[in-house]
Amino acid sequence: MLKQPERGSRNVNDFFYEMEGRQLQKMNKVLAGVELTKAEERTLIWLAGWEESTVDHLLSVIEKAARIRADKRGGYAHKSNRESEK
């Protein structure tokens, strides 16, 4: 799960901090159950500071890819590989 850095730990304004929080919530919803490395977490937190439409488009692509893979395996996108192969 992606956790937003503390507001006081960075030089950001209130608008940015609120927007970043919304972006991270969206990311956490799409990436629920996905294990991330620390480097991946840092990159996604950085990306959360980008324009909302950029993040929305990236999350849409991730969801589409997950659906396609699940359909090919005959399972569900939210299940792990082992569960969908049973």
N, C-alpha and C. Protein backbone atom coordinates (compact mmCIF):
# COMPACT_ATOMS: atom_id res chain seq x y z
N MET A 1 0.84 -1.18 0.00
CA MET A 1 0.00 0.00 0.00
C MET A 1 0.89 1.25 0.00
N LEU A 2 0.54 2.15 -0.86
CA LEU A 2 1.29 3.40 -0.96
C LEU A 2 0.87 4.34 0.17
N LYS A 3 1.85 4.90 0.85
CA LYS A 3 1.57 5.83 1.95
C LYS A 3 2.11 7.21 1.59
N GLN A 4 1.28 8.20 1.77
CA GLN A 4 1.67 9.56 1.46
C GLN A 4 2.69 10.06 2.47
N PRO A 5 3.79 10.65 1.99
CA PRO A 5 4.76 11.22 2.92
C PRO A 5 4.13 12.34 3.75
N GLU A 6 4.65 12.56 4.92
CA GLU A 6 4.15 13.62 5.78
C GLU A 6 4.28 14.97 5.10
N ARG A 7 3.30 15.80 5.29
CA ARG A 7 3.29 17.13 4.66
C ARG A 7 4.52 17.95 5.03
N GLY A 8 4.89 17.90 6.29
CA GLY A 8 6.02 18.69 6.77
C GLY A 8 7.37 18.21 6.30
N SER A 9 7.43 17.00 5.74
CA SER A 9 8.71 16.46 5.30
C SER A 9 9.13 16.98 3.92
N ARG A 10 8.21 17.72 3.25
CA ARG A 10 8.50 18.25 1.92
C ARG A 10 7.98 19.67 1.81
N ASN A 11 8.51 20.39 0.88
CA ASN A 11 8.09 21.77 0.65
C ASN A 11 6.97 21.79 -0.41
N VAL A 12 5.75 21.44 0.02
CA VAL A 12 4.60 21.42 -0.89
C VAL A 12 3.46 22.23 -0.27
N ASN A 13 2.60 22.77 -1.15
CA ASN A 13 1.47 23.54 -0.63
C ASN A 13 0.28 22.62 -0.34
N ASP A 14 -0.74 23.17 0.30
CA ASP A 14 -1.90 22.37 0.70
C ASP A 14 -2.63 21.76 -0.50
N PHE A 15 -2.75 22.53 -1.59
CA PHE A 15 -3.43 22.03 -2.78
C PHE A 15 -2.72 20.79 -3.33
N PHE A 16 -1.40 20.86 -3.44
CA PHE A 16 -0.63 19.72 -3.94
C PHE A 16 -0.81 18.52 -3.03
N TYR A 17 -0.72 18.72 -1.72
CA TYR A 17 -0.81 17.62 -0.76
C TYR A 17 -2.16 16.93 -0.84
N GLU A 18 -3.24 17.70 -0.97
CA GLU A 18 -4.58 17.11 -1.08
C GLU A 18 -4.72 16.33 -2.39
N MET A 19 -4.22 16.89 -3.49
CA MET A 19 -4.30 16.23 -4.78
C MET A 19 -3.48 14.94 -4.77
N GLU A 20 -2.30 14.99 -4.20
CA GLU A 20 -1.45 13.81 -4.12
C GLU A 20 -2.15 12.70 -3.32
N GLY A 21 -2.82 13.08 -2.25
CA GLY A 21 -3.55 12.10 -1.44
C GLY A 21 -4.65 11.40 -2.25
N ARG A 22 -5.39 12.18 -3.05
CA ARG A 22 -6.44 11.59 -3.90
C ARG A 22 -5.83 10.63 -4.93
N GLN A 23 -4.71 11.05 -5.50
CA GLN A 23 -4.04 10.22 -6.50
C GLN A 23 -3.60 8.89 -5.88
N LEU A 24 -3.02 8.96 -4.70
CA LEU A 24 -2.55 7.75 -4.03
C LEU A 24 -3.71 6.83 -3.67
N GLN A 25 -4.85 7.39 -3.29
CA GLN A 25 -6.02 6.56 -3.01
C GLN A 25 -6.45 5.79 -4.25
N LYS A 26 -6.47 6.48 -5.40
CA LYS A 26 -6.82 5.81 -6.66
C LYS A 26 -5.83 4.70 -6.98
N MET A 27 -4.55 5.00 -6.80
CA MET A 27 -3.52 4.00 -7.08
C MET A 27 -3.67 2.78 -6.17
N ASN A 28 -3.90 3.03 -4.89
CA ASN A 28 -4.05 1.93 -3.95
C ASN A 28 -5.25 1.05 -4.31
N LYS A 29 -6.30 1.65 -4.80
CA LYS A 29 -7.48 0.87 -5.19
C LYS A 29 -7.15 -0.06 -6.35
N VAL A 30 -6.46 0.46 -7.36
CA VAL A 30 -6.12 -0.34 -8.54
C VAL A 30 -5.05 -1.38 -8.21
N LEU A 31 -4.10 -1.03 -7.35
CA LEU A 31 -2.97 -1.91 -7.06
C LEU A 31 -3.16 -2.77 -5.81
N ALA A 32 -4.37 -2.86 -5.30
CA ALA A 32 -4.64 -3.64 -4.09
C ALA A 32 -4.12 -5.07 -4.27
N GLY A 33 -3.35 -5.53 -3.31
CA GLY A 33 -2.84 -6.90 -3.33
C GLY A 33 -1.56 -7.08 -4.13
N VAL A 34 -1.08 -6.04 -4.78
CA VAL A 34 0.15 -6.12 -5.57
C VAL A 34 1.33 -5.74 -4.68
N GLU A 35 2.33 -6.64 -4.60
CA GLU A 35 3.52 -6.33 -3.82
C GLU A 35 4.43 -5.42 -4.63
N LEU A 36 4.85 -4.34 -4.03
CA LEU A 36 5.72 -3.37 -4.69
C LEU A 36 7.07 -3.29 -3.99
N THR A 37 8.10 -3.06 -4.77
CA THR A 37 9.41 -2.81 -4.17
C THR A 37 9.42 -1.37 -3.65
N LYS A 38 10.40 -1.06 -2.83
CA LYS A 38 10.53 0.32 -2.32
C LYS A 38 10.74 1.29 -3.48
N ALA A 39 11.51 0.87 -4.49
CA ALA A 39 11.74 1.73 -5.65
C ALA A 39 10.44 1.98 -6.41
N GLU A 40 9.62 0.96 -6.57
CA GLU A 40 8.34 1.12 -7.25
C GLU A 40 7.43 2.05 -6.45
N GLU A 41 7.42 1.89 -5.13
CA GLU A 41 6.62 2.78 -4.29
C GLU A 41 7.06 4.23 -4.44
N ARG A 42 8.37 4.48 -4.41
CA ARG A 42 8.88 5.85 -4.56
C ARG A 42 8.48 6.43 -5.92
N THR A 43 8.56 5.62 -6.96
CA THR A 43 8.20 6.10 -8.29
C THR A 43 6.71 6.43 -8.37
N LEU A 44 5.86 5.59 -7.80
CA LEU A 44 4.42 5.84 -7.84
C LEU A 44 4.04 7.05 -6.99
N ILE A 45 4.71 7.24 -5.86
CA ILE A 45 4.45 8.43 -5.05
C ILE A 45 4.87 9.68 -5.83
N TRP A 46 5.99 9.61 -6.53
CA TRP A 46 6.43 10.72 -7.38
C TRP A 46 5.39 10.98 -8.47
N LEU A 47 4.91 9.91 -9.10
CA LEU A 47 3.92 10.05 -10.16
C LEU A 47 2.62 10.65 -9.64
N ALA A 48 2.29 10.41 -8.39
CA ALA A 48 1.05 10.94 -7.80
C ALA A 48 1.04 12.47 -7.80
N GLY A 49 2.20 13.07 -7.95
CA GLY A 49 2.28 14.52 -8.00
C GLY A 49 2.03 15.09 -9.39
N TRP A 50 1.86 14.24 -10.36
CA TRP A 50 1.61 14.68 -11.73
C TRP A 50 0.14 15.02 -11.91
N GLU A 51 -0.18 15.56 -13.05
CA GLU A 51 -1.55 15.94 -13.39
C GLU A 51 -2.49 14.73 -13.24
N GLU A 52 -3.67 14.97 -12.72
CA GLU A 52 -4.59 13.87 -12.43
C GLU A 52 -4.93 13.05 -13.66
N SER A 53 -5.08 13.68 -14.82
CA SER A 53 -5.43 12.91 -16.01
C SER A 53 -4.29 11.95 -16.39
N THR A 54 -3.05 12.33 -16.14
CA THR A 54 -1.92 11.45 -16.42
C THR A 54 -2.02 10.18 -15.58
N VAL A 55 -2.28 10.34 -14.30
CA VAL A 55 -2.40 9.20 -13.40
C VAL A 55 -3.62 8.36 -13.78
N ASP A 56 -4.73 9.01 -14.09
CA ASP A 56 -5.94 8.27 -14.48
C ASP A 56 -5.69 7.41 -15.71
N HIS A 57 -4.98 7.96 -16.70
CA HIS A 57 -4.71 7.20 -17.92
C HIS A 57 -3.79 6.01 -17.63
N LEU A 58 -2.78 6.22 -16.81
CA LEU A 58 -1.89 5.12 -16.46
C LEU A 58 -2.64 4.02 -15.72
N LEU A 59 -3.49 4.39 -14.77
CA LEU A 59 -4.26 3.39 -14.03
C LEU A 59 -5.22 2.65 -14.94
N SER A 60 -5.79 3.33 -15.91
CA SER A 60 -6.67 2.70 -16.88
C SER A 60 -5.92 1.63 -17.68
N VAL A 61 -4.71 1.94 -18.10
CA VAL A 61 -3.90 0.97 -18.84
C VAL A 61 -3.59 -0.24 -17.97
N ILE A 62 -3.23 -0.02 -16.72
CA ILE A 62 -2.93 -1.12 -15.80
C ILE A 62 -4.15 -2.02 -15.65
N GLU A 63 -5.33 -1.42 -15.46
CA GLU A 63 -6.55 -2.21 -15.31
C GLU A 63 -6.86 -3.01 -16.58
N LYS A 64 -6.69 -2.40 -17.75
CA LYS A 64 -6.93 -3.10 -19.02
C LYS A 64 -5.99 -4.30 -19.15
N ALA A 65 -4.72 -4.10 -18.85
CA ALA A 65 -3.75 -5.19 -18.95
C ALA A 65 -4.10 -6.33 -17.99
N ALA A 66 -4.53 -5.99 -16.78
CA ALA A 66 -4.92 -7.01 -15.81
C ALA A 66 -6.13 -7.80 -16.31
N ARG A 67 -7.11 -7.11 -16.91
CA ARG A 67 -8.29 -7.79 -17.44
C ARG A 67 -7.93 -8.73 -18.59
N ILE A 68 -7.07 -8.27 -19.48
CA ILE A 68 -6.67 -9.10 -20.62
C ILE A 68 -5.95 -10.36 -20.13
N ARG A 69 -5.04 -10.20 -19.20
CA ARG A 69 -4.32 -11.37 -18.66
C ARG A 69 -5.26 -12.32 -17.95
N ALA A 70 -6.20 -11.78 -17.20
CA ALA A 70 -7.16 -12.63 -16.49
C ALA A 70 -8.04 -13.39 -17.49
N ASP A 71 -8.49 -12.72 -18.54
CA ASP A 71 -9.32 -13.37 -19.54
C ASP A 71 -8.56 -14.50 -20.24
N LYS A 72 -7.28 -14.29 -20.52
CA LYS A 72 -6.47 -15.31 -21.18
C LYS A 72 -6.27 -16.53 -20.29
N ARG A 73 -6.23 -16.33 -19.00
CA ARG A 73 -6.04 -17.43 -18.05
C ARG A 73 -7.35 -18.02 -17.58
N GLY A 74 -8.45 -17.36 -17.92
CA GLY A 74 -9.75 -17.85 -17.49
C GLY A 74 -10.03 -17.58 -16.03
N GLY A 75 -9.38 -16.58 -15.47
CA GLY A 75 -9.56 -16.27 -14.05
C GLY A 75 -10.02 -14.86 -13.85
N TYR A 76 -9.69 -14.32 -12.71
CA TYR A 76 -10.07 -12.96 -12.36
C TYR A 76 -8.81 -12.15 -12.12
N ALA A 77 -8.86 -10.88 -12.49
CA ALA A 77 -7.69 -10.02 -12.37
C ALA A 77 -7.22 -9.87 -10.93
N HIS A 78 -8.12 -10.01 -9.97
CA HIS A 78 -7.72 -9.79 -8.58
C HIS A 78 -7.18 -11.04 -7.91
N LYS A 79 -7.19 -12.19 -8.60
CA LYS A 79 -6.66 -13.42 -8.02
C LYS A 79 -5.20 -13.58 -8.37
N SER A 80 -4.49 -14.28 -7.51
CA SER A 80 -3.07 -14.54 -7.79
C SER A 80 -2.96 -15.60 -8.86
N ASN A 81 -1.76 -15.77 -9.40
CA ASN A 81 -1.53 -16.77 -10.45
C ASN A 81 -1.93 -18.15 -10.00
N ARG A 82 -1.55 -18.52 -8.80
CA ARG A 82 -1.85 -19.87 -8.33
C ARG A 82 -3.35 -20.11 -8.21
N GLU A 83 -4.09 -19.13 -7.75
CA GLU A 83 -5.53 -19.29 -7.59
C GLU A 83 -6.21 -19.43 -8.95
N SER A 84 -5.78 -18.66 -9.94
CA SER A 84 -6.44 -18.69 -11.23
C SER A 84 -6.07 -19.91 -12.05
N GLU A 85 -4.98 -20.60 -11.68
CA GLU A 85 -4.56 -21.79 -12.42
C GLU A 85 -5.18 -23.06 -11.89
N LYS A 86 -5.89 -22.99 -10.77
CA LYS A 86 -6.53 -24.19 -10.20
C LYS A 86 -7.66 -24.68 -11.06
